Amino acid sequence: TNAIVTTLTGSFLLYTRSAGVAYFTAGALLCSITVKILKRCFRQPRPVIVNGRRKKTYGMPSTHSATITYFATYITLACVYLPIHPSLPASPSISRFLPPLVVVPLASTIAVSRIWLGHHTWPQVAAGCAYGLLFAPVWFKLWTGGWNEYGRTMEEMIPI
């Protein structure tokens, strides 16, 4: 899932050349990094044992769950509150409704798959989802609260 989500995000960034998408991507990276820091604080082991050994990384909270929940939450907020970027179809049914209809079930499946595959426990996934669900609106509010002005300036400075 990492490669697919990263490739899709990078492709979307290259397609739109949008400061808002770059900011969204930076938020996903920051969400992931801060969860990894939290893992070192909580130091809760994963349930997975491979060849008689437990994975060396910690499991609480789930990084995959936090990041994919961030994706689903931020994309939904962007579809509801932000203007449609000029490089995207102007049709509201495509640009406003379709992304959340795709990303929310996908994110839910990815989060639950972490348990099905034995990489995390329910509490680890729930904590990851809660983190992503809290992180995304804060990051979104920073953008809509004024940081988007810096984005506009950057877009004007960089030729498209």
N, C-alpha and C. Protein backbone atom coordinates (compact mmCIF):
# COMPACT_ATOMS: atom_id res chain seq x y z
N THR A 1 0.82 -1.21 0.00
CA THR A 1 0.00 0.00 0.00
C THR A 1 0.86 1.27 0.00
N ASN A 2 2.02 1.22 0.64
CA ASN A 2 2.88 2.41 0.67
C ASN A 2 3.23 2.88 -0.73
N ALA A 3 3.66 1.94 -1.58
CA ALA A 3 4.09 2.30 -2.93
C ALA A 3 2.93 2.84 -3.75
N ILE A 4 1.76 2.25 -3.61
CA ILE A 4 0.59 2.68 -4.38
C ILE A 4 0.16 4.09 -3.95
N VAL A 5 0.00 4.29 -2.66
CA VAL A 5 -0.44 5.59 -2.15
C VAL A 5 0.60 6.66 -2.46
N THR A 6 1.87 6.36 -2.29
CA THR A 6 2.93 7.32 -2.58
C THR A 6 2.96 7.68 -4.06
N THR A 7 2.83 6.68 -4.93
CA THR A 7 2.83 6.93 -6.38
C THR A 7 1.63 7.76 -6.80
N LEU A 8 0.45 7.43 -6.27
CA LEU A 8 -0.74 8.20 -6.61
C LEU A 8 -0.63 9.65 -6.13
N THR A 9 -0.12 9.83 -4.93
CA THR A 9 0.04 11.18 -4.38
C THR A 9 1.05 11.98 -5.20
N GLY A 10 2.19 11.37 -5.50
CA GLY A 10 3.21 12.04 -6.31
C GLY A 10 2.70 12.38 -7.69
N SER A 11 1.95 11.48 -8.30
CA SER A 11 1.39 11.73 -9.63
C SER A 11 0.39 12.87 -9.59
N PHE A 12 -0.44 12.90 -8.55
CA PHE A 12 -1.42 13.98 -8.42
C PHE A 12 -0.72 15.31 -8.21
N LEU A 13 0.34 15.32 -7.44
CA LEU A 13 1.12 16.53 -7.21
C LEU A 13 1.72 17.03 -8.53
N LEU A 14 2.31 16.12 -9.29
CA LEU A 14 2.90 16.51 -10.57
C LEU A 14 1.83 16.98 -11.56
N TYR A 15 0.66 16.35 -11.53
CA TYR A 15 -0.42 16.73 -12.45
C TYR A 15 -0.97 18.11 -12.13
N THR A 16 -1.24 18.37 -10.87
CA THR A 16 -1.86 19.65 -10.49
C THR A 16 -0.84 20.77 -10.32
N ARG A 17 0.38 20.41 -9.92
CA ARG A 17 1.42 21.41 -9.59
C ARG A 17 0.87 22.43 -8.61
N SER A 18 0.14 21.93 -7.64
CA SER A 18 -0.56 22.77 -6.68
C SER A 18 0.19 22.85 -5.37
N ALA A 19 0.32 24.06 -4.84
CA ALA A 19 0.92 24.24 -3.53
C ALA A 19 0.07 23.56 -2.46
N GLY A 20 -1.25 23.56 -2.67
CA GLY A 20 -2.14 22.90 -1.72
C GLY A 20 -1.91 21.40 -1.66
N VAL A 21 -1.65 20.79 -2.80
CA VAL A 21 -1.36 19.35 -2.82
C VAL A 21 0.01 19.09 -2.21
N ALA A 22 0.97 19.97 -2.46
CA ALA A 22 2.29 19.82 -1.83
C ALA A 22 2.16 19.94 -0.31
N TYR A 23 1.34 20.87 0.15
CA TYR A 23 1.10 21.05 1.58
C TYR A 23 0.43 19.80 2.17
N PHE A 24 -0.56 19.28 1.47
CA PHE A 24 -1.24 18.04 1.89
C PHE A 24 -0.22 16.90 2.01
N THR A 25 0.66 16.78 1.04
CA THR A 25 1.68 15.74 1.04
C THR A 25 2.64 15.92 2.22
N ALA A 26 3.03 17.16 2.47
CA ALA A 26 3.90 17.44 3.62
C ALA A 26 3.20 17.05 4.92
N GLY A 27 1.89 17.28 4.98
CA GLY A 27 1.12 16.87 6.16
C GLY A 27 1.12 15.37 6.35
N ALA A 28 1.01 14.63 5.26
CA ALA A 28 1.05 13.17 5.35
C ALA A 28 2.40 12.70 5.89
N LEU A 29 3.47 13.32 5.41
CA LEU A 29 4.81 12.97 5.89
C LEU A 29 4.97 13.33 7.37
N LEU A 30 4.49 14.51 7.74
CA LEU A 30 4.59 14.93 9.14
C LEU A 30 3.75 14.03 10.05
N CYS A 31 2.58 13.64 9.59
CA CYS A 31 1.74 12.72 10.35
C CYS A 31 2.49 11.40 10.59
N SER A 32 3.09 10.88 9.53
CA SER A 32 3.83 9.62 9.63
C SER A 32 5.03 9.74 10.58
N ILE A 33 5.76 10.83 10.45
CA ILE A 33 6.95 11.03 11.30
C ILE A 33 6.57 11.17 12.76
N THR A 34 5.53 11.94 13.04
CA THR A 34 5.14 12.13 14.44
C THR A 34 4.60 10.84 15.05
N VAL A 35 3.95 10.01 14.26
CA VAL A 35 3.49 8.71 14.77
C VAL A 35 4.69 7.83 15.10
N LYS A 36 5.71 7.87 14.25
CA LYS A 36 6.91 7.07 14.53
C LYS A 36 7.59 7.53 15.82
N ILE A 37 7.55 8.83 16.08
CA ILE A 37 8.09 9.34 17.35
C ILE A 37 7.26 8.83 18.53
N LEU A 38 5.94 8.87 18.37
CA LEU A 38 5.06 8.35 19.43
C LEU A 38 5.32 6.86 19.69
N LYS A 39 5.59 6.10 18.64
CA LYS A 39 5.88 4.67 18.81
C LYS A 39 7.08 4.47 19.74
N ARG A 40 8.07 5.32 19.59
CA ARG A 40 9.26 5.20 20.45
C ARG A 40 8.95 5.58 21.89
N CYS A 41 7.96 6.43 22.07
CA CYS A 41 7.54 6.79 23.44
C CYS A 41 6.74 5.66 24.08
N PHE A 42 5.78 5.11 23.33
CA PHE A 42 4.91 4.06 23.89
C PHE A 42 5.62 2.70 23.97
N ARG A 43 6.46 2.41 22.98
CA ARG A 43 7.26 1.19 22.95
C ARG A 43 6.43 -0.09 23.12
N GLN A 44 5.25 -0.10 22.53
CA GLN A 44 4.40 -1.28 22.61
C GLN A 44 4.73 -2.22 21.45
N PRO A 45 5.05 -3.48 21.73
CA PRO A 45 5.43 -4.40 20.66
C PRO A 45 4.27 -4.73 19.73
N ARG A 46 4.63 -5.14 18.53
CA ARG A 46 3.65 -5.61 17.55
C ARG A 46 3.28 -7.06 17.88
N PRO A 47 2.15 -7.51 17.36
CA PRO A 47 1.77 -8.91 17.60
C PRO A 47 2.47 -9.90 16.68
N VAL A 48 3.15 -9.42 15.65
CA VAL A 48 3.71 -10.29 14.62
C VAL A 48 4.99 -10.98 15.10
N ILE A 49 5.02 -12.27 14.90
CA ILE A 49 6.23 -13.04 15.16
C ILE A 49 6.57 -13.78 13.88
N VAL A 50 7.73 -13.47 13.29
CA VAL A 50 8.17 -14.09 12.05
C VAL A 50 9.44 -14.87 12.34
N ASN A 51 9.44 -16.15 11.98
CA ASN A 51 10.59 -17.03 12.24
C ASN A 51 11.00 -16.99 13.71
N GLY A 52 10.02 -16.98 14.58
CA GLY A 52 10.29 -17.00 16.01
C GLY A 52 10.71 -15.67 16.60
N ARG A 53 10.72 -14.61 15.79
CA ARG A 53 11.13 -13.29 16.29
C ARG A 53 10.04 -12.26 16.05
N ARG A 54 9.93 -11.38 17.00
CA ARG A 54 9.00 -10.26 16.87
C ARG A 54 9.67 -9.16 16.04
N LYS A 55 8.86 -8.43 15.24
CA LYS A 55 9.42 -7.31 14.47
C LYS A 55 10.07 -6.31 15.42
N LYS A 56 11.13 -5.68 14.97
CA LYS A 56 11.88 -4.77 15.82
C LYS A 56 11.19 -3.42 16.02
N THR A 57 10.33 -3.04 15.10
CA THR A 57 9.63 -1.76 15.25
C THR A 57 8.44 -1.93 16.19
N TYR A 58 8.05 -0.84 16.81
CA TYR A 58 6.93 -0.87 17.73
C TYR A 58 5.61 -0.71 16.97
N GLY A 59 4.51 -1.03 17.65
CA GLY A 59 3.23 -1.07 16.97
C GLY A 59 2.22 0.00 17.36
N MET A 60 2.45 0.72 18.46
CA MET A 60 1.45 1.67 18.95
C MET A 60 1.91 3.09 18.75
N PRO A 61 1.20 3.90 18.01
CA PRO A 61 0.03 3.63 17.16
C PRO A 61 0.47 3.15 15.77
N SER A 62 -0.46 2.61 15.02
CA SER A 62 -0.17 2.13 13.67
C SER A 62 0.07 3.31 12.74
N THR A 63 1.25 3.33 12.12
CA THR A 63 1.59 4.40 11.19
C THR A 63 0.72 4.35 9.94
N HIS A 64 0.52 3.14 9.40
CA HIS A 64 -0.34 3.00 8.22
C HIS A 64 -1.73 3.55 8.51
N SER A 65 -2.29 3.17 9.64
CA SER A 65 -3.65 3.59 9.98
C SER A 65 -3.73 5.10 10.17
N ALA A 66 -2.74 5.68 10.84
CA ALA A 66 -2.75 7.12 11.06
C ALA A 66 -2.65 7.87 9.74
N THR A 67 -1.73 7.46 8.89
CA THR A 67 -1.49 8.18 7.65
C THR A 67 -2.65 8.03 6.68
N ILE A 68 -3.19 6.83 6.55
CA ILE A 68 -4.30 6.65 5.60
C ILE A 68 -5.56 7.32 6.11
N THR A 69 -5.73 7.40 7.43
CA THR A 69 -6.88 8.13 7.98
C THR A 69 -6.69 9.62 7.76
N TYR A 70 -5.45 10.10 7.88
CA TYR A 70 -5.14 11.49 7.54
C TYR A 70 -5.55 11.76 6.09
N PHE A 71 -5.14 10.88 5.18
CA PHE A 71 -5.49 11.03 3.77
C PHE A 71 -7.00 11.16 3.60
N ALA A 72 -7.75 10.22 4.15
CA ALA A 72 -9.20 10.20 3.97
C ALA A 72 -9.85 11.45 4.56
N THR A 73 -9.39 11.86 5.73
CA THR A 73 -9.99 13.02 6.39
C THR A 73 -9.66 14.30 5.66
N TYR A 74 -8.39 14.50 5.31
CA TYR A 74 -7.98 15.74 4.65
C TYR A 74 -8.63 15.84 3.27
N ILE A 75 -8.65 14.76 2.51
CA ILE A 75 -9.25 14.79 1.18
C ILE A 75 -10.73 15.13 1.28
N THR A 76 -11.41 14.56 2.25
CA THR A 76 -12.82 14.87 2.43
C THR A 76 -13.01 16.34 2.78
N LEU A 77 -12.21 16.86 3.70
CA LEU A 77 -12.29 18.28 4.06
C LEU A 77 -12.00 19.17 2.85
N ALA A 78 -10.99 18.82 2.07
CA ALA A 78 -10.65 19.61 0.89
C ALA A 78 -11.78 19.61 -0.13
N CYS A 79 -12.41 18.46 -0.32
CA CYS A 79 -13.52 18.37 -1.28
C CYS A 79 -14.72 19.20 -0.83
N VAL A 80 -14.92 19.31 0.46
CA VAL A 80 -16.06 20.05 0.99
C VAL A 80 -15.79 21.56 1.03
N TYR A 81 -14.60 21.97 1.46
CA TYR A 81 -14.35 23.37 1.78
C TYR A 81 -13.47 24.15 0.80
N LEU A 82 -12.64 23.49 0.03
CA LEU A 82 -11.72 24.23 -0.84
C LEU A 82 -12.29 24.40 -2.24
N PRO A 83 -11.88 25.46 -2.94
CA PRO A 83 -12.32 25.60 -4.34
C PRO A 83 -11.67 24.51 -5.19
N ILE A 84 -12.33 24.17 -6.28
CA ILE A 84 -11.80 23.15 -7.18
C ILE A 84 -10.60 23.74 -7.92
N HIS A 85 -9.49 23.02 -7.90
CA HIS A 85 -8.27 23.48 -8.56
C HIS A 85 -8.51 23.54 -10.08
N PRO A 86 -7.97 24.56 -10.76
CA PRO A 86 -8.21 24.72 -12.20
C PRO A 86 -7.79 23.51 -13.05
N SER A 87 -6.85 22.72 -12.58
CA SER A 87 -6.39 21.58 -13.37
C SER A 87 -7.32 20.37 -13.25
N LEU A 88 -8.32 20.46 -12.37
CA LEU A 88 -9.24 19.33 -12.15
C LEU A 88 -10.57 19.59 -12.86
N PRO A 89 -11.32 18.51 -13.12
CA PRO A 89 -12.63 18.69 -13.76
C PRO A 89 -13.53 19.60 -12.90
N ALA A 90 -14.23 20.51 -13.56
CA ALA A 90 -15.10 21.45 -12.85
C ALA A 90 -16.37 20.80 -12.34
N SER A 91 -16.65 19.61 -12.79
CA SER A 91 -17.87 18.90 -12.38
C SER A 91 -17.82 18.56 -10.89
N PRO A 92 -18.78 19.06 -10.11
CA PRO A 92 -18.79 18.75 -8.67
C PRO A 92 -18.92 17.25 -8.39
N SER A 93 -19.63 16.53 -9.25
CA SER A 93 -19.79 15.10 -8.98
C SER A 93 -18.46 14.36 -9.09
N ILE A 94 -17.57 14.86 -9.92
CA ILE A 94 -16.25 14.22 -10.05
C ILE A 94 -15.26 14.76 -9.02
N SER A 95 -15.17 16.05 -8.89
CA SER A 95 -14.14 16.67 -8.05
C SER A 95 -14.52 16.79 -6.58
N ARG A 96 -15.80 16.79 -6.27
CA ARG A 96 -16.22 16.96 -4.88
C ARG A 96 -16.69 15.66 -4.23
N PHE A 97 -17.42 14.84 -4.97
CA PHE A 97 -18.05 13.66 -4.37
C PHE A 97 -17.28 12.37 -4.59
N LEU A 98 -16.68 12.21 -5.74
CA LEU A 98 -15.99 10.96 -6.05
C LEU A 98 -14.78 10.68 -5.15
N PRO A 99 -13.89 11.67 -4.91
CA PRO A 99 -12.72 11.36 -4.08
C PRO A 99 -13.06 10.79 -2.69
N PRO A 100 -13.99 11.42 -1.92
CA PRO A 100 -14.32 10.80 -0.62
C PRO A 100 -14.98 9.43 -0.76
N LEU A 101 -15.78 9.25 -1.81
CA LEU A 101 -16.43 7.94 -2.00
C LEU A 101 -15.42 6.84 -2.28
N VAL A 102 -14.28 7.21 -2.81
CA VAL A 102 -13.22 6.22 -3.08
C VAL A 102 -12.29 6.08 -1.87
N VAL A 103 -11.83 7.22 -1.34
CA VAL A 103 -10.76 7.18 -0.34
C VAL A 103 -11.23 6.71 1.04
N VAL A 104 -12.44 7.01 1.45
CA VAL A 104 -12.88 6.61 2.80
C VAL A 104 -13.00 5.08 2.92
N PRO A 105 -13.68 4.39 1.98
CA PRO A 105 -13.71 2.92 2.09
C PRO A 105 -12.32 2.29 1.92
N LEU A 106 -11.50 2.88 1.05
CA LEU A 106 -10.14 2.37 0.85
C LEU A 106 -9.33 2.50 2.13
N ALA A 107 -9.42 3.66 2.77
CA ALA A 107 -8.68 3.89 4.02
C ALA A 107 -9.15 2.93 5.10
N SER A 108 -10.44 2.72 5.18
CA SER A 108 -10.98 1.79 6.19
C SER A 108 -10.47 0.38 5.95
N THR A 109 -10.44 -0.03 4.70
CA THR A 109 -9.95 -1.37 4.37
C THR A 109 -8.48 -1.52 4.71
N ILE A 110 -7.69 -0.51 4.39
CA ILE A 110 -6.26 -0.55 4.69
C ILE A 110 -6.03 -0.62 6.20
N ALA A 111 -6.76 0.19 6.96
CA ALA A 111 -6.59 0.18 8.42
C ALA A 111 -6.94 -1.19 9.00
N VAL A 112 -8.07 -1.73 8.60
CA VAL A 112 -8.49 -3.04 9.13
C VAL A 112 -7.56 -4.15 8.66
N SER A 113 -6.99 -3.99 7.46
CA SER A 113 -6.07 -5.02 6.96
C SER A 113 -4.83 -5.16 7.84
N ARG A 114 -4.47 -4.09 8.53
CA ARG A 114 -3.31 -4.16 9.44
C ARG A 114 -3.56 -5.18 10.54
N ILE A 115 -4.81 -5.32 10.94
CA ILE A 115 -5.18 -6.32 11.95
C ILE A 115 -5.27 -7.69 11.30
N TRP A 116 -5.98 -7.76 10.15
CA TRP A 116 -6.14 -9.04 9.45
C TRP A 116 -4.80 -9.68 9.14
N LEU A 117 -3.82 -8.85 8.77
CA LEU A 117 -2.50 -9.38 8.41
C LEU A 117 -1.63 -9.66 9.63
N GLY A 118 -2.12 -9.28 10.81
CA GLY A 118 -1.39 -9.56 12.04
C GLY A 118 -0.28 -8.57 12.36
N HIS A 119 -0.26 -7.43 11.67
CA HIS A 119 0.79 -6.44 11.92
C HIS A 119 0.53 -5.58 13.15
N HIS A 120 -0.76 -5.45 13.52
CA HIS A 120 -1.14 -4.61 14.65
C HIS A 120 -2.32 -5.21 15.39
N THR A 121 -2.52 -4.73 16.60
CA THR A 121 -3.70 -5.10 17.38
C THR A 121 -4.79 -4.06 17.12
N TRP A 122 -6.02 -4.37 17.55
CA TRP A 122 -7.11 -3.40 17.41
C TRP A 122 -6.78 -2.07 18.08
N PRO A 123 -6.28 -2.09 19.32
CA PRO A 123 -5.97 -0.80 19.96
C PRO A 123 -4.90 0.00 19.20
N GLN A 124 -3.92 -0.67 18.62
CA GLN A 124 -2.88 0.02 17.86
C GLN A 124 -3.46 0.69 16.61
N VAL A 125 -4.35 -0.01 15.93
CA VAL A 125 -5.00 0.55 14.74
C VAL A 125 -5.97 1.67 15.13
N ALA A 126 -6.72 1.47 16.19
CA ALA A 126 -7.65 2.50 16.65
C ALA A 126 -6.90 3.77 17.04
N ALA A 127 -5.77 3.62 17.72
CA ALA A 127 -4.97 4.79 18.10
C ALA A 127 -4.43 5.49 16.85
N GLY A 128 -3.99 4.73 15.88
CA GLY A 128 -3.50 5.31 14.63
C GLY A 128 -4.60 6.07 13.90
N CYS A 129 -5.78 5.46 13.81
CA CYS A 129 -6.91 6.13 13.14
C CYS A 129 -7.30 7.40 13.89
N ALA A 130 -7.32 7.34 15.20
CA ALA A 130 -7.66 8.52 16.00
C ALA A 130 -6.64 9.63 15.77
N TYR A 131 -5.37 9.26 15.70
CA TYR A 131 -4.33 10.26 15.47
C TYR A 131 -4.52 10.94 14.11
N GLY A 132 -4.72 10.14 13.06
CA GLY A 132 -4.94 10.70 11.73
C GLY A 132 -6.19 11.54 11.66
N LEU A 133 -7.22 11.11 12.36
CA LEU A 133 -8.49 11.84 12.39
C LEU A 133 -8.36 13.18 13.12
N LEU A 134 -7.46 13.28 14.08
CA LEU A 134 -7.22 14.54 14.79
C LEU A 134 -6.20 15.42 14.07
N PHE A 135 -5.18 14.79 13.49
CA PHE A 135 -4.11 15.53 12.83
C PHE A 135 -4.61 16.26 11.58
N ALA A 136 -5.43 15.60 10.77
CA ALA A 136 -5.87 16.17 9.49
C ALA A 136 -6.63 17.49 9.63
N PRO A 137 -7.62 17.58 10.52
CA PRO A 137 -8.33 18.87 10.62
C PRO A 137 -7.44 20.00 11.14
N VAL A 138 -6.50 19.68 12.00
CA VAL A 138 -5.57 20.71 12.50
C VAL A 138 -4.70 21.20 11.34
N TRP A 139 -4.16 20.27 10.57
CA TRP A 139 -3.31 20.62 9.43
C TRP A 139 -4.12 21.40 8.39
N PHE A 140 -5.35 20.97 8.15
CA PHE A 140 -6.24 21.64 7.20
C PHE A 140 -6.54 23.06 7.67
N LYS A 141 -6.81 23.24 8.95
CA LYS A 141 -7.12 24.56 9.51
C LYS A 141 -5.94 25.51 9.37
N LEU A 142 -4.73 25.00 9.52
CA LEU A 142 -3.54 25.84 9.31
C LEU A 142 -3.51 26.35 7.87
N TRP A 143 -3.84 25.47 6.93
CA TRP A 143 -3.85 25.86 5.52
C TRP A 143 -4.93 26.91 5.25
N THR A 144 -6.14 26.65 5.68
CA THR A 144 -7.23 27.57 5.41
C THR A 144 -7.16 28.82 6.28
N GLY A 145 -6.40 28.74 7.36
CA GLY A 145 -6.27 29.89 8.26
C GLY A 145 -5.19 30.87 7.86
N GLY A 146 -4.55 30.69 6.72
CA GLY A 146 -3.57 31.67 6.27
C GLY A 146 -2.38 31.11 5.53
N TRP A 147 -2.03 29.86 5.78
CA TRP A 147 -0.85 29.32 5.09
C TRP A 147 -1.10 29.18 3.60
N ASN A 148 -2.36 29.14 3.18
CA ASN A 148 -2.66 29.04 1.76
C ASN A 148 -2.18 30.28 1.00
N GLU A 149 -2.06 31.41 1.69
CA GLU A 149 -1.54 32.62 1.04
C GLU A 149 -0.08 32.42 0.61
N TYR A 150 0.69 31.73 1.44
CA TYR A 150 2.07 31.40 1.05
C TYR A 150 2.07 30.47 -0.15
N GLY A 151 1.09 29.57 -0.19
CA GLY A 151 0.96 28.65 -1.32
C GLY A 151 0.68 29.38 -2.61
N ARG A 152 -0.21 30.37 -2.55
CA ARG A 152 -0.51 31.17 -3.75
C ARG A 152 0.74 31.90 -4.23
N THR A 153 1.49 32.44 -3.29
CA THR A 153 2.73 33.14 -3.64
C THR A 153 3.70 32.18 -4.31
N MET A 154 3.83 30.98 -3.77
CA MET A 154 4.74 29.98 -4.35
C MET A 154 4.28 29.60 -5.76
N GLU A 155 2.99 29.41 -5.96
CA GLU A 155 2.47 29.04 -7.27
C GLU A 155 2.72 30.15 -8.29
N GLU A 156 2.64 31.41 -7.84
CA GLU A 156 2.90 32.53 -8.74
C GLU A 156 4.37 32.63 -9.12
N MET A 157 5.25 32.24 -8.21
CA MET A 157 6.69 32.32 -8.44
C MET A 157 7.20 31.20 -9.34
N ILE A 158 6.52 30.05 -9.29
CA ILE A 158 6.95 28.89 -10.06
C ILE A 158 6.11 28.79 -11.33
N PRO A 159 6.74 28.86 -12.49
CA PRO A 159 5.96 28.78 -13.74
C PRO A 159 5.37 27.37 -13.92
N ILE A 160 4.13 27.36 -14.37
CA ILE A 160 3.45 26.06 -14.59
C ILE A 160 3.48 25.71 -16.05
